[in-house]
Full PDB file with SEQRES, HELIX, SHEET, SSBOND, CRYST1, ORIGX, SCALE, CONECT and MASTER records, all heavy atoms in Angstrom:
SEQRES   1 A   37  ASP THR TYR MET ARG GLU LYS GLY ILE ASP TYR PHE GLU          
SEQRES   2 A   37  ASN SER ARG ARG ALA THR MET ALA GLN GLN ARG TYR ALA          
SEQRES   3 A   37  ILE ASP ASN PRO MET GLY TRP ALA GLY TYR ASP                  
HELIX    1 AA1 THR A    2  LYS A    7  1                                   6    
HELIX    2 AA2 TYR A   11  ASP A   28  1                                  18    
CRYST1    1.000    1.000    1.000  90.00  90.00  90.00 P 1           1          
ORIGX1      1.000000  0.000000  0.000000        0.00000                         
ORIGX2      0.000000  1.000000  0.000000        0.00000                         
ORIGX3      0.000000  0.000000  1.000000        0.00000                         
SCALE1      1.000000  0.000000  0.000000        0.00000                         
SCALE2      0.000000  1.000000  0.000000        0.00000                         
SCALE3      0.000000  0.000000  1.000000        0.00000                         
ATOM      1  N   ASP A   1       0.846  -1.155  -0.008  1.00  0.00           N  
ATOM      2  CA  ASP A   1      -0.037   0.018   0.053  1.00  0.00           C  
ATOM      3  C   ASP A   1       0.936   1.244  -0.036  1.00  0.00           C  
ATOM      4  O   ASP A   1       2.106   1.114  -0.074  1.00  0.00           O  
ATOM      5  CB  ASP A   1      -0.988  -0.072   1.142  1.00  0.00           C  
ATOM      6  CG  ASP A   1      -0.279  -0.059   2.503  1.00  0.00           C  
ATOM      7  OD1 ASP A   1       0.923   0.214   2.600  1.00  0.00           O  
ATOM      8  OD2 ASP A   1      -0.935  -0.276   3.522  1.00  0.00           O  
ATOM      9  N   THR A   2       0.320   2.379   0.128  1.00  0.00           N  
ATOM     10  CA  THR A   2       1.161   3.664  -0.058  1.00  0.00           C  
ATOM     11  C   THR A   2       2.139   3.668   1.084  1.00  0.00           C  
ATOM     12  O   THR A   2       3.272   4.168   0.936  1.00  0.00           O  
ATOM     13  CB  THR A   2       0.242   4.892   0.026  1.00  0.00           C  
ATOM     14  OG1 THR A   2      -0.573   4.841   1.183  1.00  0.00           O  
ATOM     15  CG2 THR A   2      -0.622   4.850  -1.220  1.00  0.00           C  
ATOM     16  N   TYR A   3       1.801   3.325   2.321  1.00  0.00           N  
ATOM     17  CA  TYR A   3       2.687   3.394   3.442  1.00  0.00           C  
ATOM     18  C   TYR A   3       3.893   2.464   3.269  1.00  0.00           C  
ATOM     19  O   TYR A   3       5.104   2.838   3.420  1.00  0.00           O  
ATOM     20  CB  TYR A   3       1.958   3.171   4.721  1.00  0.00           C  
ATOM     21  CG  TYR A   3       2.848   3.286   6.062  1.00  0.00           C  
ATOM     22  CD1 TYR A   3       2.803   4.491   6.712  1.00  0.00           C  
ATOM     23  CD2 TYR A   3       3.693   2.258   6.478  1.00  0.00           C  
ATOM     24  CE1 TYR A   3       3.587   4.733   7.832  1.00  0.00           C  
ATOM     25  CE2 TYR A   3       4.478   2.505   7.606  1.00  0.00           C  
ATOM     26  CZ  TYR A   3       4.467   3.647   8.234  1.00  0.00           C  
ATOM     27  OH  TYR A   3       5.202   3.855   9.350  1.00  0.00           O  
ATOM     28  N   MET A   4       3.560   1.207   2.975  1.00  0.00           N  
ATOM     29  CA  MET A   4       4.691   0.191   2.820  1.00  0.00           C  
ATOM     30  C   MET A   4       5.481   0.427   1.677  1.00  0.00           C  
ATOM     31  O   MET A   4       6.719   0.143   1.687  1.00  0.00           O  
ATOM     32  CB  MET A   4       4.056  -1.211   2.914  1.00  0.00           C  
ATOM     33  CG  MET A   4       3.606  -1.640   4.272  1.00  0.00           C  
ATOM     34  SD  MET A   4       4.928  -1.561   5.475  1.00  0.00           S  
ATOM     35  CE  MET A   4       4.255  -2.572   6.793  1.00  0.00           C  
ATOM     36  N   ARG A   5       4.940   0.972   0.647  1.00  0.00           N  
ATOM     37  CA  ARG A   5       5.826   1.290  -0.560  1.00  0.00           C  
ATOM     38  C   ARG A   5       6.858   2.344  -0.205  1.00  0.00           C  
ATOM     39  O   ARG A   5       7.994   2.224  -0.618  1.00  0.00           O  
ATOM     40  CB  ARG A   5       4.921   1.813  -1.719  1.00  0.00           C  
ATOM     41  CG  ARG A   5       5.672   1.939  -3.050  1.00  0.00           C  
ATOM     42  CD  ARG A   5       4.738   2.295  -4.171  1.00  0.00           C  
ATOM     43  NE  ARG A   5       3.784   1.153  -4.436  1.00  0.00           N  
ATOM     44  CZ  ARG A   5       4.146   0.051  -5.027  1.00  0.00           C  
ATOM     45  NH1 ARG A   5       5.246  -0.118  -5.631  1.00  0.00           N  
ATOM     46  NH2 ARG A   5       3.152  -0.885  -5.223  1.00  0.00           N  
ATOM     47  N   GLU A   6       6.495   3.253   0.555  1.00  0.00           N  
ATOM     48  CA  GLU A   6       7.442   4.299   1.093  1.00  0.00           C  
ATOM     49  C   GLU A   6       8.516   3.704   1.935  1.00  0.00           C  
ATOM     50  O   GLU A   6       9.698   4.108   1.904  1.00  0.00           O  
ATOM     51  CB  GLU A   6       6.770   5.398   1.861  1.00  0.00           C  
ATOM     52  CG  GLU A   6       7.517   6.521   2.342  1.00  0.00           C  
ATOM     53  CD  GLU A   6       6.772   7.554   2.990  1.00  0.00           C  
ATOM     54  OE1 GLU A   6       5.668   7.959   2.551  1.00  0.00           O  
ATOM     55  OE2 GLU A   6       7.284   8.075   4.056  1.00  0.00           O  
ATOM     56  N   LYS A   7       8.084   2.685   2.784  1.00  0.00           N  
ATOM     57  CA  LYS A   7       9.126   2.043   3.626  1.00  0.00           C  
ATOM     58  C   LYS A   7      10.018   1.040   2.924  1.00  0.00           C  
ATOM     59  O   LYS A   7      11.009   0.591   3.458  1.00  0.00           O  
ATOM     60  CB  LYS A   7       8.409   1.376   4.828  1.00  0.00           C  
ATOM     61  CG  LYS A   7       7.688   2.365   5.760  1.00  0.00           C  
ATOM     62  CD  LYS A   7       8.720   3.274   6.428  1.00  0.00           C  
ATOM     63  CE  LYS A   7       8.078   4.246   7.416  1.00  0.00           C  
ATOM     64  NZ  LYS A   7       9.011   5.180   8.089  1.00  0.00           N  
ATOM     65  N   GLY A   8       9.604   0.591   1.787  1.00  0.00           N  
ATOM     66  CA  GLY A   8      10.420  -0.379   1.031  1.00  0.00           C  
ATOM     67  C   GLY A   8      10.263  -1.862   1.442  1.00  0.00           C  
ATOM     68  O   GLY A   8      11.067  -2.685   1.023  1.00  0.00           O  
ATOM     69  N   ILE A   9       9.232  -2.156   2.210  1.00  0.00           N  
ATOM     70  CA  ILE A   9       8.962  -3.575   2.626  1.00  0.00           C  
ATOM     71  C   ILE A   9       7.457  -3.828   2.490  1.00  0.00           C  
ATOM     72  O   ILE A   9       6.636  -2.850   2.492  1.00  0.00           O  
ATOM     73  CB  ILE A   9       9.481  -3.905   4.055  1.00  0.00           C  
ATOM     74  CG1 ILE A   9       8.627  -3.170   5.091  1.00  0.00           C  
ATOM     75  CG2 ILE A   9      10.929  -3.667   4.179  1.00  0.00           C  
ATOM     76  CD1 ILE A   9       8.888  -3.616   6.494  1.00  0.00           C  
ATOM     77  N   ASP A  10       7.094  -5.090   2.337  1.00  0.00           N  
ATOM     78  CA  ASP A  10       5.688  -5.442   2.293  1.00  0.00           C  
ATOM     79  C   ASP A  10       5.325  -5.870   3.686  1.00  0.00           C  
ATOM     80  O   ASP A  10       6.057  -6.003   4.618  1.00  0.00           O  
ATOM     81  CB  ASP A  10       5.398  -6.511   1.228  1.00  0.00           C  
ATOM     82  CG  ASP A  10       6.240  -7.773   1.409  1.00  0.00           C  
ATOM     83  OD1 ASP A  10       6.657  -8.121   2.568  1.00  0.00           O  
ATOM     84  OD2 ASP A  10       6.528  -8.445   0.374  1.00  0.00           O  
ATOM     85  N   TYR A  11       4.000  -6.214   3.893  1.00  0.00           N  
ATOM     86  CA  TYR A  11       3.508  -6.631   5.168  1.00  0.00           C  
ATOM     87  C   TYR A  11       4.051  -7.959   5.598  1.00  0.00           C  
ATOM     88  O   TYR A  11       4.147  -8.259   6.762  1.00  0.00           O  
ATOM     89  CB  TYR A  11       1.952  -6.649   5.225  1.00  0.00           C  
ATOM     90  CG  TYR A  11       1.353  -5.312   5.295  1.00  0.00           C  
ATOM     91  CD1 TYR A  11       0.822  -4.583   4.172  1.00  0.00           C  
ATOM     92  CD2 TYR A  11       1.369  -4.519   6.523  1.00  0.00           C  
ATOM     93  CE1 TYR A  11       0.324  -3.307   4.356  1.00  0.00           C  
ATOM     94  CE2 TYR A  11       0.791  -3.285   6.631  1.00  0.00           C  
ATOM     95  CZ  TYR A  11       0.311  -2.690   5.468  1.00  0.00           C  
ATOM     96  OH  TYR A  11      -0.261  -1.394   5.599  1.00  0.00           O  
ATOM     97  N   PHE A  12       4.362  -8.779   4.676  1.00  0.00           N  
ATOM     98  CA  PHE A  12       4.953 -10.068   4.975  1.00  0.00           C  
ATOM     99  C   PHE A  12       6.297  -9.912   5.688  1.00  0.00           C  
ATOM    100  O   PHE A  12       6.607 -10.462   6.712  1.00  0.00           O  
ATOM    101  CB  PHE A  12       5.081 -10.932   3.762  1.00  0.00           C  
ATOM    102  CG  PHE A  12       5.530 -12.357   4.038  1.00  0.00           C  
ATOM    103  CD1 PHE A  12       4.668 -13.481   4.177  1.00  0.00           C  
ATOM    104  CD2 PHE A  12       6.885 -12.631   4.100  1.00  0.00           C  
ATOM    105  CE1 PHE A  12       5.120 -14.698   4.392  1.00  0.00           C  
ATOM    106  CE2 PHE A  12       7.380 -13.936   4.278  1.00  0.00           C  
ATOM    107  CZ  PHE A  12       6.458 -14.991   4.447  1.00  0.00           C  
ATOM    108  N   GLU A  13       7.117  -9.079   5.100  1.00  0.00           N  
ATOM    109  CA  GLU A  13       8.479  -8.759   5.625  1.00  0.00           C  
ATOM    110  C   GLU A  13       8.283  -7.985   7.039  1.00  0.00           C  
ATOM    111  O   GLU A  13       9.019  -8.252   7.970  1.00  0.00           O  
ATOM    112  CB  GLU A  13       9.258  -7.830   4.755  1.00  0.00           C  
ATOM    113  CG  GLU A  13      10.588  -7.338   5.297  1.00  0.00           C  
ATOM    114  CD  GLU A  13      11.570  -8.495   5.642  1.00  0.00           C  
ATOM    115  OE1 GLU A  13      11.431  -9.651   5.132  1.00  0.00           O  
ATOM    116  OE2 GLU A  13      12.585  -8.162   6.365  1.00  0.00           O  
ATOM    117  N   ASN A  14       7.283  -7.193   7.092  1.00  0.00           N  
ATOM    118  CA  ASN A  14       6.974  -6.582   8.352  1.00  0.00           C  
ATOM    119  C   ASN A  14       6.749  -7.574   9.466  1.00  0.00           C  
ATOM    120  O   ASN A  14       7.264  -7.449  10.591  1.00  0.00           O  
ATOM    121  CB  ASN A  14       5.783  -5.641   8.249  1.00  0.00           C  
ATOM    122  CG  ASN A  14       5.748  -4.621   9.420  1.00  0.00           C  
ATOM    123  OD1 ASN A  14       6.432  -3.607   9.352  1.00  0.00           O  
ATOM    124  ND2 ASN A  14       4.849  -4.857  10.303  1.00  0.00           N  
ATOM    125  N   SER A  15       5.974  -8.556   9.147  1.00  0.00           N  
ATOM    126  CA  SER A  15       5.584  -9.577  10.118  1.00  0.00           C  
ATOM    127  C   SER A  15       6.863 -10.487  10.469  1.00  0.00           C  
ATOM    128  O   SER A  15       7.088 -10.981  11.543  1.00  0.00           O  
ATOM    129  CB  SER A  15       4.464 -10.560   9.665  1.00  0.00           C  
ATOM    130  OG  SER A  15       3.280  -9.815   9.664  1.00  0.00           O  
ATOM    131  N   ARG A  16       7.684 -10.709   9.473  1.00  0.00           N  
ATOM    132  CA  ARG A  16       8.998 -11.455   9.671  1.00  0.00           C  
ATOM    133  C   ARG A  16       9.826 -10.701  10.661  1.00  0.00           C  
ATOM    134  O   ARG A  16      10.399 -11.369  11.587  1.00  0.00           O  
ATOM    135  CB  ARG A  16       9.656 -11.704   8.351  1.00  0.00           C  
ATOM    136  CG  ARG A  16      10.852 -12.598   8.503  1.00  0.00           C  
ATOM    137  CD  ARG A  16      11.626 -12.696   7.118  1.00  0.00           C  
ATOM    138  NE  ARG A  16      12.408 -11.492   6.979  1.00  0.00           N  
ATOM    139  CZ  ARG A  16      13.623 -11.290   7.439  1.00  0.00           C  
ATOM    140  NH1 ARG A  16      14.236 -12.202   8.148  1.00  0.00           N  
ATOM    141  NH2 ARG A  16      14.288 -10.156   7.238  1.00  0.00           N  
ATOM    142  N   ARG A  17      10.037  -9.508  10.505  1.00  0.00           N  
ATOM    143  CA  ARG A  17      10.792  -8.631  11.393  1.00  0.00           C  
ATOM    144  C   ARG A  17      10.212  -8.585  12.788  1.00  0.00           C  
ATOM    145  O   ARG A  17      10.935  -8.667  13.759  1.00  0.00           O  
ATOM    146  CB  ARG A  17      11.000  -7.283  10.814  1.00  0.00           C  
ATOM    147  CG  ARG A  17      11.741  -7.215   9.588  1.00  0.00           C  
ATOM    148  CD  ARG A  17      11.971  -5.779   9.064  1.00  0.00           C  
ATOM    149  NE  ARG A  17      12.670  -5.743   7.742  1.00  0.00           N  
ATOM    150  CZ  ARG A  17      13.026  -4.605   7.117  1.00  0.00           C  
ATOM    151  NH1 ARG A  17      12.879  -3.493   7.725  1.00  0.00           N  
ATOM    152  NH2 ARG A  17      13.630  -4.638   6.026  1.00  0.00           N  
ATOM    153  N   ALA A  18       8.898  -8.513  12.926  1.00  0.00           N  
ATOM    154  CA  ALA A  18       8.256  -8.576  14.279  1.00  0.00           C  
ATOM    155  C   ALA A  18       8.521  -9.863  14.929  1.00  0.00           C  
ATOM    156  O   ALA A  18       8.727  -9.925  16.144  1.00  0.00           O  
ATOM    157  CB  ALA A  18       6.758  -8.304  14.115  1.00  0.00           C  
ATOM    158  N   THR A  19       8.436 -10.898  14.181  1.00  0.00           N  
ATOM    159  CA  THR A  19       8.790 -12.244  14.778  1.00  0.00           C  
ATOM    160  C   THR A  19      10.206 -12.391  15.248  1.00  0.00           C  
ATOM    161  O   THR A  19      10.544 -12.805  16.387  1.00  0.00           O  
ATOM    162  CB  THR A  19       8.480 -13.312  13.711  1.00  0.00           C  
ATOM    163  OG1 THR A  19       7.108 -13.228  13.322  1.00  0.00           O  
ATOM    164  CG2 THR A  19       8.784 -14.708  14.256  1.00  0.00           C  
ATOM    165  N   MET A  20      11.138 -11.925  14.367  1.00  0.00           N  
ATOM    166  CA  MET A  20      12.575 -11.933  14.829  1.00  0.00           C  
ATOM    167  C   MET A  20      12.844 -11.110  15.918  1.00  0.00           C  
ATOM    168  O   MET A  20      13.648 -11.417  16.889  1.00  0.00           O  
ATOM    169  CB  MET A  20      13.409 -11.500  13.524  1.00  0.00           C  
ATOM    170  CG  MET A  20      13.323 -12.450  12.441  1.00  0.00           C  
ATOM    171  SD  MET A  20      14.188 -11.896  10.864  1.00  0.00           S  
ATOM    172  CE  MET A  20      15.844 -12.186  11.477  1.00  0.00           C  
ATOM    173  N   ALA A  21      12.129  -9.892  16.081  1.00  0.00           N  
ATOM    174  CA  ALA A  21      12.263  -9.055  17.178  1.00  0.00           C  
ATOM    175  C   ALA A  21      11.866  -9.765  18.536  1.00  0.00           C  
ATOM    176  O   ALA A  21      12.537  -9.523  19.548  1.00  0.00           O  
ATOM    177  CB  ALA A  21      11.603  -7.741  16.989  1.00  0.00           C  
ATOM    178  N   GLN A  22      10.854 -10.499  18.481  1.00  0.00           N  
ATOM    179  CA  GLN A  22      10.407 -11.249  19.655  1.00  0.00           C  
ATOM    180  C   GLN A  22      11.476 -12.245  20.041  1.00  0.00           C  
ATOM    181  O   GLN A  22      11.702 -12.420  21.251  1.00  0.00           O  
ATOM    182  CB  GLN A  22       9.020 -11.843  19.401  1.00  0.00           C  
ATOM    183  CG  GLN A  22       7.878 -10.932  19.408  1.00  0.00           C  
ATOM    184  CD  GLN A  22       6.730 -11.419  20.337  1.00  0.00           C  
ATOM    185  OE1 GLN A  22       6.787 -12.386  20.934  1.00  0.00           O  
ATOM    186  NE2 GLN A  22       5.697 -10.619  20.383  1.00  0.00           N  
ATOM    187  N   GLN A  23      12.019 -12.915  19.158  1.00  0.00           N  
ATOM    188  CA  GLN A  23      13.123 -13.934  19.584  1.00  0.00           C  
ATOM    189  C   GLN A  23      14.234 -13.165  20.268  1.00  0.00           C  
ATOM    190  O   GLN A  23      14.839 -13.593  21.254  1.00  0.00           O  
ATOM    191  CB  GLN A  23      13.583 -14.756  18.335  1.00  0.00           C  
ATOM    192  CG  GLN A  23      14.532 -15.898  18.781  1.00  0.00           C  
ATOM    193  CD  GLN A  23      15.476 -16.294  17.662  1.00  0.00           C  
ATOM    194  OE1 GLN A  23      15.958 -15.462  16.932  1.00  0.00           O  
ATOM    195  NE2 GLN A  23      15.769 -17.580  17.639  1.00  0.00           N  
ATOM    196  N   ARG A  24      14.729 -12.005  19.597  1.00  0.00           N  
ATOM    197  CA  ARG A  24      15.717 -11.311  20.189  1.00  0.00           C  
ATOM    198  C   ARG A  24      15.456 -10.769  21.523  1.00  0.00           C  
ATOM    199  O   ARG A  24      16.276 -10.750  22.440  1.00  0.00           O  
ATOM    200  CB  ARG A  24      16.097 -10.039  19.239  1.00  0.00           C  
ATOM    201  CG  ARG A  24      16.718 -10.515  17.930  1.00  0.00           C  
ATOM    202  CD  ARG A  24      18.213 -10.748  18.026  1.00  0.00           C  
ATOM    203  NE  ARG A  24      18.879  -9.590  18.478  1.00  0.00           N  
ATOM    204  CZ  ARG A  24      19.343  -8.626  17.717  1.00  0.00           C  
ATOM    205  NH1 ARG A  24      19.121  -8.716  16.385  1.00  0.00           N  
ATOM    206  NH2 ARG A  24      20.005  -7.618  18.162  1.00  0.00           N  
ATOM    207  N   TYR A  25      14.218 -10.330  21.820  1.00  0.00           N  
ATOM    208  CA  TYR A  25      13.745  -9.859  23.081  1.00  0.00           C  
ATOM    209  C   TYR A  25      13.988 -11.037  24.136  1.00  0.00           C  
ATOM    210  O   TYR A  25      14.408 -10.792  25.274  1.00  0.00           O  
ATOM    211  CB  TYR A  25      12.337  -9.371  23.013  1.00  0.00           C  
ATOM    212  CG  TYR A  25      11.775  -9.119  24.403  1.00  0.00           C  
ATOM    213  CD1 TYR A  25      11.935  -7.769  24.922  1.00  0.00           C  
ATOM    214  CD2 TYR A  25      10.980  -9.987  25.129  1.00  0.00           C  
ATOM    215  CE1 TYR A  25      11.442  -7.522  26.199  1.00  0.00           C  
ATOM    216  CE2 TYR A  25      10.580  -9.691  26.327  1.00  0.00           C  
ATOM    217  CZ  TYR A  25      10.702  -8.445  26.895  1.00  0.00           C  
ATOM    218  OH  TYR A  25      10.132  -8.106  28.103  1.00  0.00           O  
ATOM    219  N   ALA A  26      13.507 -12.222  23.849  1.00  0.00           N  
ATOM    220  CA  ALA A  26      13.660 -13.383  24.651  1.00  0.00           C  
ATOM    221  C   ALA A  26      15.098 -13.703  24.973  1.00  0.00           C  
ATOM    222  O   ALA A  26      15.378 -14.035  26.134  1.00  0.00           O  
ATOM    223  CB  ALA A  26      12.976 -14.555  24.118  1.00  0.00           C  
ATOM    224  N   ILE A  27      15.940 -13.560  24.116  1.00  0.00           N  
ATOM    225  CA  ILE A  27      17.380 -13.743  24.296  1.00  0.00           C  
ATOM    226  C   ILE A  27      17.912 -12.645  25.244  1.00  0.00           C  
ATOM    227  O   ILE A  27      18.660 -13.020  26.217  1.00  0.00           O  
ATOM    228  CB  ILE A  27      18.209 -13.726  22.963  1.00  0.00           C  
ATOM    229  CG1 ILE A  27      17.835 -14.900  22.059  1.00  0.00           C  
ATOM    230  CG2 ILE A  27      19.690 -13.713  23.226  1.00  0.00           C  
ATOM    231  CD1 ILE A  27      18.349 -14.850  20.656  1.00  0.00           C  
ATOM    232  N   ASP A  28      17.482 -11.482  25.021  1.00  0.00           N  
ATOM    233  CA  ASP A  28      17.960 -10.355  25.900  1.00  0.00           C  
ATOM    234  C   ASP A  28      17.328 -10.542  27.355  1.00  0.00           C  
ATOM    235  O   ASP A  28      17.900 -10.198  28.319  1.00  0.00           O  
ATOM    236  CB  ASP A  28      17.534  -9.017  25.345  1.00  0.00           C  
ATOM    237  CG  ASP A  28      18.309  -8.590  24.102  1.00  0.00           C  
ATOM    238  OD1 ASP A  28      19.412  -9.185  23.949  1.00  0.00           O  
ATOM    239  OD2 ASP A  28      17.811  -7.743  23.335  1.00  0.00           O  
ATOM    240  N   ASN A  29      16.080 -10.907  27.286  1.00  0.00           N  
ATOM    241  CA  ASN A  29      15.259 -11.237  28.648  1.00  0.00           C  
ATOM    242  C   ASN A  29      15.451 -10.112  29.632  1.00  0.00           C  
ATOM    243  O   ASN A  29      16.006 -10.429  30.768  1.00  0.00           O  
ATOM    244  CB  ASN A  29      15.703 -12.577  29.171  1.00  0.00           C  
ATOM    245  CG  ASN A  29      14.830 -13.074  30.236  1.00  0.00           C  
ATOM    246  OD1 ASN A  29      13.710 -12.639  30.405  1.00  0.00           O  
ATOM    247  ND2 ASN A  29      15.239 -14.157  30.892  1.00  0.00           N  
ATOM    248  N   PRO A  30      15.074  -8.864  29.365  1.00  0.00           N  
ATOM    249  CA  PRO A  30      15.408  -7.780  30.325  1.00  0.00           C  
ATOM    250  C   PRO A  30      14.738  -7.894  31.729  1.00  0.00           C  
ATOM    251  O   PRO A  30      15.174  -7.362  32.660  1.00  0.00           O  
ATOM    252  CB  PRO A  30      14.889  -6.555  29.547  1.00  0.00           C  
ATOM    253  CG  PRO A  30      13.825  -7.086  28.651  1.00  0.00           C  
ATOM    254  CD  PRO A  30      14.324  -8.507  28.228  1.00  0.00           C  
ATOM    255  N   MET A  31      13.677  -8.723  31.794  1.00  0.00           N  
ATOM    256  CA  MET A  31      12.910  -8.823  32.959  1.00  0.00           C  
ATOM    257  C   MET A  31      13.315 -10.056  33.844  1.00  0.00           C  
ATOM    258  O   MET A  31      12.904 -10.303  34.955  1.00  0.00           O  
ATOM    259  CB  MET A  31      11.414  -8.878  32.729  1.00  0.00           C  
ATOM    260  CG  MET A  31      10.926  -7.553  32.125  1.00  0.00           C  
ATOM    261  SD  MET A  31       9.142  -7.516  31.899  1.00  0.00           S  
ATOM    262  CE  MET A  31       8.571  -7.373  33.626  1.00  0.00           C  
ATOM    263  N   GLY A  32      14.249 -10.865  33.252  1.00  0.00           N  
ATOM    264  CA  GLY A  32      14.765 -12.013  33.931  1.00  0.00           C  
ATOM    265  C   GLY A  32      13.809 -13.153  34.166  1.00  0.00           C  
ATOM    266  O   GLY A  32      13.877 -13.833  35.155  1.00  0.00           O  
ATOM    267  N   TRP A  33      12.942 -13.438  33.220  1.00  0.00           N  
ATOM    268  CA  TRP A  33      12.030 -14.551  33.383  1.00  0.00           C  
ATOM    269  C   TRP A  33      12.671 -15.888  33.149  1.00  0.00           C  
ATOM    270  O   TRP A  33      13.554 -15.978  32.260  1.00  0.00           O  
ATOM    271  CB  TRP A  33      10.800 -14.344  32.494  1.00  0.00           C  
ATOM    272  CG  TRP A  33       9.950 -13.178  32.735  1.00  0.00           C  
ATOM    273  CD1 TRP A  33       9.878 -12.127  31.913  1.00  0.00           C  
ATOM    274  CD2 TRP A  33       9.204 -12.888  33.848  1.00  0.00           C  
ATOM    275  NE1 TRP A  33       8.993 -11.168  32.395  1.00  0.00           N  
ATOM    276  CE2 TRP A  33       8.584 -11.643  33.643  1.00  0.00           C  
ATOM    277  CE3 TRP A  33       8.886 -13.578  35.025  1.00  0.00           C  
ATOM    278  CZ2 TRP A  33       7.693 -11.053  34.638  1.00  0.00           C  
ATOM    279  CZ3 TRP A  33       8.076 -13.005  35.974  1.00  0.00           C  
ATOM    280  CH2 TRP A  33       7.429 -11.778  35.763  1.00  0.00           C  
ATOM    281  N   ALA A  34      12.292 -16.893  33.817  1.00  0.00           N  
ATOM    282  CA  ALA A  34      12.866 -18.240  33.572  1.00  0.00           C  
ATOM    283  C   ALA A  34      12.426 -18.777  32.261  1.00  0.00           C  
ATOM    284  O   ALA A  34      11.343 -18.563  31.823  1.00  0.00           O  
ATOM    285  CB  ALA A  34      12.418 -19.216  34.757  1.00  0.00           C  
ATOM    286  N   GLY A  35      13.327 -19.505  31.578  1.00  0.00           N  
ATOM    287  CA  GLY A  35      12.945 -20.201  30.375  1.00  0.00           C  
ATOM    288  C   GLY A  35      13.265 -19.408  29.075  1.00  0.00           C  
ATOM    289  O   GLY A  35      13.335 -19.990  28.088  1.00  0.00           O  
ATOM    290  N   TYR A  36      13.197 -18.156  29.123  1.00  0.00           N  
ATOM    291  CA  TYR A  36      13.332 -17.256  27.919  1.00  0.00           C  
ATOM    292  C   TYR A  36      14.693 -17.569  27.287  1.00  0.00           C  
ATOM    293  O   TYR A  36      15.756 -17.395  27.957  1.00  0.00           O  
ATOM    294  CB  TYR A  36      13.204 -15.810  28.183  1.00  0.00           C  
ATOM    295  CG  TYR A  36      11.803 -15.357  28.403  1.00  0.00           C  
ATOM    296  CD1 TYR A  36      10.791 -16.119  28.826  1.00  0.00           C  
ATOM    297  CD2 TYR A  36      11.592 -13.999  28.156  1.00  0.00           C  
ATOM    298  CE1 TYR A  36       9.547 -15.645  28.919  1.00  0.00           C  
ATOM    299  CE2 TYR A  36      10.249 -13.451  28.301  1.00  0.00           C  
ATOM    300  CZ  TYR A  36       9.201 -14.249  28.713  1.00  0.00           C  
ATOM    301  OH  TYR A  36       7.979 -13.802  28.890  1.00  0.00           O  
ATOM    302  N   ASP A  37      14.735 -17.908  26.012  1.00  0.00           N  
ATOM    303  CA  ASP A  37      15.967 -18.029  25.232  1.00  0.00           C  
ATOM    304  C   ASP A  37      15.666 -18.080  23.796  1.00  0.00           C  
ATOM    305  O   ASP A  37      14.456 -17.838  23.401  1.00  0.00           O  
ATOM    306  CB  ASP A  37      16.827 -19.263  25.730  1.00  0.00           C  
ATOM    307  CG  ASP A  37      16.080 -20.605  25.575  1.00  0.00           C  
ATOM    308  OD1 ASP A  37      15.259 -20.673  24.653  1.00  0.00           O  
ATOM    309  OD2 ASP A  37      16.464 -21.559  26.301  1.00  0.00           O  
TER     310      ASP A  37                                                      
MASTER        0    0    0    2    0    0    0    6  309    1    0    3          
END                                                                             
């Protein structure tokens, strides 16, 4: 759409990056929860 064309990615790539960011967050585990990796 007009927004994503300006950003240079489609919504599929947007969701891929959101997924990868969640894994990175679990690795960082800033709140120190058990099991996150």
